[in-house]
Amino acid sequence: MPSEAPSDLTAVLDACVLWPASLRDTLLRLGETPHQYLPKWSDEIWREVARNLEARRKLSPDKISHLLTQVRKHFPEAAVTGYEKLVASMKNEPKDRHVLAAAVECGAQVIVTSNVRDFPPESLSEWDIEAQDPDQFLLSLFERYPAEIIAKLRDQASTIDRTLPRLLNTLRVVIPRFAAAVASNLQLELLGN
């Protein structure tokens, strides 16, 4: 039985949370219908993801192109455009002003980023936007939608032919508190505990 109706929480996903595969998969699954939040991003964010996938993960251009095609196909409403006019007026870290501008343009309440320090509260307050690391963001969603999130994590694990504990062990590297909360909820023992 669902905990609540689908959320209208809108979150811009920064590139740094989209290039780690398991984290990206988890974030995207929670944005699928029935969604626990509405994911948003810009083409500029995805260009940064593509650069990181090529440089850090050594993915081929064909695989990166396939990923981008699939993301655009499954989340056509997530693309933010028209934000460029706002970039110069943003007061956060210059290299991430495009991310905040996209968040302002689409009315996001949250920017999900591993680089929270690039989005100081004083640069966000006038827009009523909060920067959260992915662990904090996913924990807050888990508190609201535990059953739905567990179901989506089970599906994620099954899709990649893993057990849920094994998926949680993988996720624990980048989102340790979230992985621990899910494991505790299900009374699962994770490796190394």
C-alpha atoms as a PDB file:
ATOM      1  CA  MET A   1       0.000   0.000   0.000  1.00  0.00           C
ATOM      2  CA  PRO A   2       1.508   3.371  -0.994  1.00  0.00           C
ATOM      3  CA  SER A   3       2.662   5.676   1.794  1.00  0.00           C
ATOM      4  CA  GLU A   4       1.512   8.847   0.051  1.00  0.00           C
ATOM      5  CA  ALA A   5       0.551  10.208  -3.337  1.00  0.00           C
ATOM      6  CA  PRO A   6       3.420  10.873  -5.766  1.00  0.00           C
ATOM      7  CA  SER A   7       5.528  13.849  -4.763  1.00  0.00           C
ATOM      8  CA  ASP A   8       5.649  17.242  -6.427  1.00  0.00           C
ATOM      9  CA  LEU A   9       9.121  17.838  -4.954  1.00  0.00           C
ATOM     10  CA  THR A  10      11.331  19.065  -7.794  1.00  0.00           C
ATOM     11  CA  ALA A  11      15.081  18.470  -7.659  1.00  0.00           C
ATOM     12  CA  VAL A  12      17.843  19.409 -10.074  1.00  0.00           C
ATOM     13  CA  LEU A  13      20.442  16.649 -10.226  1.00  0.00           C
ATOM     14  CA  ASP A  14      23.997  17.938 -10.513  1.00  0.00           C
ATOM     15  CA  ALA A  15      26.399  16.076 -12.818  1.00  0.00           C
ATOM     16  CA  CYS A  16      28.406  14.686  -9.895  1.00  0.00           C
ATOM     17  CA  VAL A  17      25.430  12.551  -8.767  1.00  0.00           C
ATOM     18  CA  LEU A  18      24.654  11.329 -12.283  1.00  0.00           C
ATOM     19  CA  TRP A  19      27.941   9.788 -13.377  1.00  0.00           C
ATOM     20  CA  PRO A  20      28.237   7.048 -10.664  1.00  0.00           C
ATOM     21  CA  ALA A  21      26.128   4.278 -12.266  1.00  0.00           C
ATOM     22  CA  SER A  22      24.373   2.767  -9.225  1.00  0.00           C
ATOM     23  CA  LEU A  23      23.595   6.173  -7.720  1.00  0.00           C
ATOM     24  CA  ARG A  24      22.302   7.449 -11.084  1.00  0.00           C
ATOM     25  CA  ASP A  25      20.149   4.352 -11.480  1.00  0.00           C
ATOM     26  CA  THR A  26      18.670   4.783  -7.986  1.00  0.00           C
ATOM     27  CA  LEU A  27      17.961   8.490  -8.475  1.00  0.00           C
ATOM     28  CA  LEU A  28      16.363   7.907 -11.872  1.00  0.00           C
ATOM     29  CA  ARG A  29      14.207   5.018 -10.668  1.00  0.00           C
ATOM     30  CA  LEU A  30      12.811   7.164  -7.861  1.00  0.00           C
ATOM     31  CA  GLY A  31      11.949   9.801 -10.458  1.00  0.00           C
ATOM     32  CA  GLU A  32       9.983   7.304 -12.564  1.00  0.00           C
ATOM     33  CA  THR A  33       6.208   7.023 -12.289  1.00  0.00           C
ATOM     34  CA  PRO A  34       4.968   6.684  -9.627  1.00  0.00           C
ATOM     35  CA  HIS A  35       7.648   9.181  -8.695  1.00  0.00           C
ATOM     36  CA  GLN A  36       8.984  10.100  -5.299  1.00  0.00           C
ATOM     37  CA  TYR A  37      10.280  13.394  -6.734  1.00  0.00           C
ATOM     38  CA  LEU A  38      10.506  15.154 -10.099  1.00  0.00           C
ATOM     39  CA  PRO A  39      14.063  15.050 -11.505  1.00  0.00           C
ATOM     40  CA  LYS A  40      15.332  17.991 -13.550  1.00  0.00           C
ATOM     41  CA  TRP A  41      18.565  18.751 -15.399  1.00  0.00           C
ATOM     42  CA  SER A  42      19.965  20.693 -18.325  1.00  0.00           C
ATOM     43  CA  ASP A  43      21.867  19.626 -21.411  1.00  0.00           C
ATOM     44  CA  GLU A  44      24.887  21.371 -19.877  1.00  0.00           C
ATOM     45  CA  ILE A  45      24.672  19.069 -16.844  1.00  0.00           C
ATOM     46  CA  TRP A  46      24.539  16.011 -19.121  1.00  0.00           C
ATOM     47  CA  ARG A  47      27.529  17.251 -21.134  1.00  0.00           C
ATOM     48  CA  GLU A  48      29.455  17.333 -17.865  1.00  0.00           C
ATOM     49  CA  VAL A  49      28.220  13.814 -17.039  1.00  0.00           C
ATOM     50  CA  ALA A  50      29.374  12.607 -20.477  1.00  0.00           C
ATOM     51  CA  ARG A  51      32.848  14.127 -19.978  1.00  0.00           C
ATOM     52  CA  ASN A  52      33.171  12.379 -16.609  1.00  0.00           C
ATOM     53  CA  LEU A  53      31.915   9.042 -17.923  1.00  0.00           C
ATOM     54  CA  GLU A  54      34.503   9.164 -20.671  1.00  0.00           C
ATOM     55  CA  ALA A  55      37.382  10.426 -18.518  1.00  0.00           C
ATOM     56  CA  ARG A  56      36.724   8.598 -15.243  1.00  0.00           C
ATOM     57  CA  ARG A  57      34.790   5.504 -16.287  1.00  0.00           C
ATOM     58  CA  LYS A  58      36.396   5.111 -19.730  1.00  0.00           C
ATOM     59  CA  LEU A  59      32.987   4.571 -21.330  1.00  0.00           C
ATOM     60  CA  SER A  60      32.910   4.642 -25.104  1.00  0.00           C
ATOM     61  CA  PRO A  61      31.148   7.504 -26.897  1.00  0.00           C
ATOM     62  CA  ASP A  62      28.591   4.961 -28.184  1.00  0.00           C
ATOM     63  CA  LYS A  63      27.673   3.839 -24.654  1.00  0.00           C
ATOM     64  CA  ILE A  64      27.456   7.442 -23.452  1.00  0.00           C
ATOM     65  CA  SER A  65      25.280   8.360 -26.430  1.00  0.00           C
ATOM     66  CA  HIS A  66      23.006   5.392 -25.702  1.00  0.00           C
ATOM     67  CA  LEU A  67      22.662   6.458 -22.048  1.00  0.00           C
ATOM     68  CA  LEU A  68      21.781  10.035 -23.008  1.00  0.00           C
ATOM     69  CA  THR A  69      19.248   8.835 -25.587  1.00  0.00           C
ATOM     70  CA  GLN A  70      17.565   6.588 -23.012  1.00  0.00           C
ATOM     71  CA  VAL A  71      17.461   9.325 -20.369  1.00  0.00           C
ATOM     72  CA  ARG A  72      15.916  11.803 -22.813  1.00  0.00           C
ATOM     73  CA  LYS A  73      13.405   9.175 -23.961  1.00  0.00           C
ATOM     74  CA  HIS A  74      12.294   8.215 -20.439  1.00  0.00           C
ATOM     75  CA  PHE A  75      12.405  11.695 -18.886  1.00  0.00           C
ATOM     76  CA  PRO A  76      11.439  14.179 -21.618  1.00  0.00           C
ATOM     77  CA  GLU A  77       9.870  16.507 -19.035  1.00  0.00           C
ATOM     78  CA  ALA A  78      13.108  16.695 -17.008  1.00  0.00           C
ATOM     79  CA  ALA A  79      14.988  18.941 -19.448  1.00  0.00           C
ATOM     80  CA  VAL A  80      15.332  22.536 -18.264  1.00  0.00           C
ATOM     81  CA  THR A  81      15.829  25.192 -20.927  1.00  0.00           C
ATOM     82  CA  GLY A  82      15.856  28.976 -20.869  1.00  0.00           C
ATOM     83  CA  TYR A  83      18.002  29.175 -17.727  1.00  0.00           C
ATOM     84  CA  GLU A  84      21.033  30.643 -19.513  1.00  0.00           C
ATOM     85  CA  LYS A  85      19.786  34.211 -19.022  1.00  0.00           C
ATOM     86  CA  LEU A  86      20.000  33.699 -15.242  1.00  0.00           C
ATOM     87  CA  VAL A  87      23.539  32.304 -14.995  1.00  0.00           C
ATOM     88  CA  ALA A  88      25.309  35.658 -14.622  1.00  0.00           C
ATOM     89  CA  SER A  89      23.079  36.704 -11.702  1.00  0.00           C
ATOM     90  CA  MET A  90      23.746  33.577  -9.624  1.00  0.00           C
ATOM     91  CA  LYS A  91      26.020  34.042  -6.602  1.00  0.00           C
ATOM     92  CA  ASN A  92      27.290  30.524  -5.964  1.00  0.00           C
ATOM     93  CA  GLU A  93      30.527  28.893  -7.185  1.00  0.00           C
ATOM     94  CA  PRO A  94      31.042  30.187 -10.759  1.00  0.00           C
ATOM     95  CA  LYS A  95      31.490  26.730 -12.334  1.00  0.00           C
ATOM     96  CA  ASP A  96      28.126  25.633 -10.892  1.00  0.00           C
ATOM     97  CA  ARG A  97      26.081  28.759 -11.571  1.00  0.00           C
ATOM     98  CA  HIS A  98      24.423  27.010 -14.504  1.00  0.00           C
ATOM     99  CA  VAL A  99      23.083  24.368 -12.080  1.00  0.00           C
ATOM    100  CA  LEU A 100      21.534  26.961  -9.767  1.00  0.00           C
ATOM    101  CA  ALA A 101      20.165  28.884 -12.766  1.00  0.00           C
ATOM    102  CA  ALA A 102      18.471  25.702 -14.015  1.00  0.00           C
ATOM    103  CA  ALA A 103      17.007  25.137 -10.527  1.00  0.00           C
ATOM    104  CA  VAL A 104      15.647  28.683 -10.406  1.00  0.00           C
ATOM    105  CA  GLU A 105      14.216  28.408 -13.925  1.00  0.00           C
ATOM    106  CA  CYS A 106      12.264  25.213 -13.187  1.00  0.00           C
ATOM    107  CA  GLY A 107      11.201  26.147  -9.640  1.00  0.00           C
ATOM    108  CA  ALA A 108      13.168  23.365  -7.957  1.00  0.00           C
ATOM    109  CA  GLN A 109      13.214  23.148  -4.186  1.00  0.00           C
ATOM    110  CA  VAL A 110      16.415  21.093  -4.049  1.00  0.00           C
ATOM    111  CA  ILE A 111      19.737  20.741  -5.842  1.00  0.00           C
ATOM    112  CA  VAL A 112      21.146  17.260  -5.307  1.00  0.00           C
ATOM    113  CA  THR A 113      24.932  17.507  -5.403  1.00  0.00           C
ATOM    114  CA  SER A 114      28.030  15.983  -3.874  1.00  0.00           C
ATOM    115  CA  ASN A 115      29.504  19.498  -3.947  1.00  0.00           C
ATOM    116  CA  VAL A 116      27.210  21.190  -1.411  1.00  0.00           C
ATOM    117  CA  ARG A 117      29.971  23.703  -0.598  1.00  0.00           C
ATOM    118  CA  ASP A 118      29.574  25.122  -4.144  1.00  0.00           C
ATOM    119  CA  PHE A 119      26.025  26.156  -3.210  1.00  0.00           C
ATOM    120  CA  PRO A 120      26.313  28.154   0.040  1.00  0.00           C
ATOM    121  CA  PRO A 121      22.968  28.847   1.745  1.00  0.00           C
ATOM    122  CA  GLU A 122      23.267  32.604   1.201  1.00  0.00           C
ATOM    123  CA  SER A 123      23.406  32.029  -2.577  1.00  0.00           C
ATOM    124  CA  LEU A 124      20.225  29.921  -2.445  1.00  0.00           C
ATOM    125  CA  SER A 125      18.035  31.657   0.135  1.00  0.00           C
ATOM    126  CA  GLU A 126      16.421  34.222  -2.168  1.00  0.00           C
ATOM    127  CA  TRP A 127      15.271  31.363  -4.391  1.00  0.00           C
ATOM    128  CA  ASP A 128      14.065  29.142  -1.530  1.00  0.00           C
ATOM    129  CA  ILE A 129      16.299  26.316  -2.775  1.00  0.00           C
ATOM    130  CA  GLU A 130      18.340  23.935  -0.644  1.00  0.00           C
ATOM    131  CA  ALA A 131      21.469  22.036  -1.675  1.00  0.00           C
ATOM    132  CA  GLN A 132      21.534  18.470  -0.368  1.00  0.00           C
ATOM    133  CA  ASP A 133      24.058  15.722  -0.787  1.00  0.00           C
ATOM    134  CA  PRO A 134      22.571  12.568  -2.330  1.00  0.00           C
ATOM    135  CA  ASP A 135      22.647  10.718   1.001  1.00  0.00           C
ATOM    136  CA  GLN A 136      20.601  13.431   2.730  1.00  0.00           C
ATOM    137  CA  PHE A 137      18.206  13.713  -0.229  1.00  0.00           C
ATOM    138  CA  LEU A 138      17.566   9.972  -0.466  1.00  0.00           C
ATOM    139  CA  LEU A 139      17.170   9.626   3.302  1.00  0.00           C
ATOM    140  CA  SER A 140      14.475  12.305   3.298  1.00  0.00           C
ATOM    141  CA  LEU A 141      12.671  10.508   0.461  1.00  0.00           C
ATOM    142  CA  PHE A 142      13.004   7.183   2.291  1.00  0.00           C
ATOM    143  CA  GLU A 143      11.385   8.690   5.382  1.00  0.00           C
ATOM    144  CA  ARG A 144       8.363   9.690   3.254  1.00  0.00           C
ATOM    145  CA  TYR A 145       8.141   6.691   0.911  1.00  0.00           C
ATOM    146  CA  PRO A 146       9.769   3.639   2.511  1.00  0.00           C
ATOM    147  CA  ALA A 147       7.634   0.958   0.836  1.00  0.00           C
ATOM    148  CA  GLU A 148       7.878   2.507  -2.634  1.00  0.00           C
ATOM    149  CA  ILE A 149      11.625   3.017  -2.384  1.00  0.00           C
ATOM    150  CA  ILE A 150      12.233  -0.524  -1.158  1.00  0.00           C
ATOM    151  CA  ALA A 151      10.147  -1.857  -4.070  1.00  0.00           C
ATOM    152  CA  LYS A 152      12.154   0.211  -6.554  1.00  0.00           C
ATOM    153  CA  LEU A 153      15.457  -0.882  -5.002  1.00  0.00           C
ATOM    154  CA  ARG A 154      14.385  -4.530  -5.243  1.00  0.00           C
ATOM    155  CA  ASP A 155      13.568  -3.965  -8.905  1.00  0.00           C
ATOM    156  CA  GLN A 156      16.913  -2.243  -9.452  1.00  0.00           C
ATOM    157  CA  ALA A 157      18.754  -5.167  -7.856  1.00  0.00           C
ATOM    158  CA  SER A 158      16.793  -7.702  -9.892  1.00  0.00           C
ATOM    159  CA  THR A 159      17.399  -5.815 -13.148  1.00  0.00           C
ATOM    160  CA  ILE A 160      21.171  -5.986 -12.666  1.00  0.00           C
ATOM    161  CA  ASP A 161      21.007  -9.566 -11.356  1.00  0.00           C
ATOM    162  CA  ARG A 162      22.038  -8.722  -7.784  1.00  0.00           C
ATOM    163  CA  THR A 163      20.542  -9.328  -4.396  1.00  0.00           C
ATOM    164  CA  LEU A 164      19.236  -6.314  -2.519  1.00  0.00           C
ATOM    165  CA  PRO A 165      21.988  -6.600   0.149  1.00  0.00           C
ATOM    166  CA  ARG A 166      24.621  -6.636  -2.603  1.00  0.00           C
ATOM    167  CA  LEU A 167      23.087  -3.533  -4.234  1.00  0.00           C
ATOM    168  CA  LEU A 168      22.996  -1.785  -0.864  1.00  0.00           C
ATOM    169  CA  ASN A 169      26.673  -2.641  -0.325  1.00  0.00           C
ATOM    170  CA  THR A 170      27.451  -1.003  -3.677  1.00  0.00           C
ATOM    171  CA  LEU A 171      25.349   2.056  -2.845  1.00  0.00           C
ATOM    172  CA  ARG A 172      26.942   2.297   0.597  1.00  0.00           C
ATOM    173  CA  VAL A 173      30.124   3.616  -1.044  1.00  0.00           C
ATOM    174  CA  VAL A 174      28.398   6.847  -2.160  1.00  0.00           C
ATOM    175  CA  ILE A 175      25.274   7.005   0.021  1.00  0.00           C
ATOM    176  CA  PRO A 176      26.173   5.200   3.267  1.00  0.00           C
ATOM    177  CA  ARG A 177      23.434   6.554   5.550  1.00  0.00           C
ATOM    178  CA  PHE A 178      20.698   5.794   3.026  1.00  0.00           C
ATOM    179  CA  ALA A 179      21.985   2.260   2.428  1.00  0.00           C
ATOM    180  CA  ALA A 180      22.216   1.680   6.191  1.00  0.00           C
ATOM    181  CA  ALA A 181      18.674   3.010   6.754  1.00  0.00           C
ATOM    182  CA  VAL A 182      17.211   0.700   4.112  1.00  0.00           C
ATOM    183  CA  ALA A 183      19.171  -2.269   5.457  1.00  0.00           C
ATOM    184  CA  SER A 184      18.031  -1.506   9.014  1.00  0.00           C
ATOM    185  CA  ASN A 185      14.402  -1.169   7.904  1.00  0.00           C
ATOM    186  CA  LEU A 186      14.593  -4.620   6.294  1.00  0.00           C
ATOM    187  CA  GLN A 187      16.774  -6.072   9.056  1.00  0.00           C
ATOM    188  CA  LEU A 188      19.462  -6.920   6.515  1.00  0.00           C
ATOM    189  CA  GLU A 189      23.098  -7.451   7.430  1.00  0.00           C
ATOM    190  CA  LEU A 190      25.443  -5.627   5.052  1.00  0.00           C
ATOM    191  CA  LEU A 191      28.976  -6.803   4.453  1.00  0.00           C
ATOM    192  CA  GLY A 192      31.447  -5.254   6.854  1.00  0.00           C
ATOM    193  CA  ASN A 193      28.816  -4.552   9.521  1.00  0.00           C
END
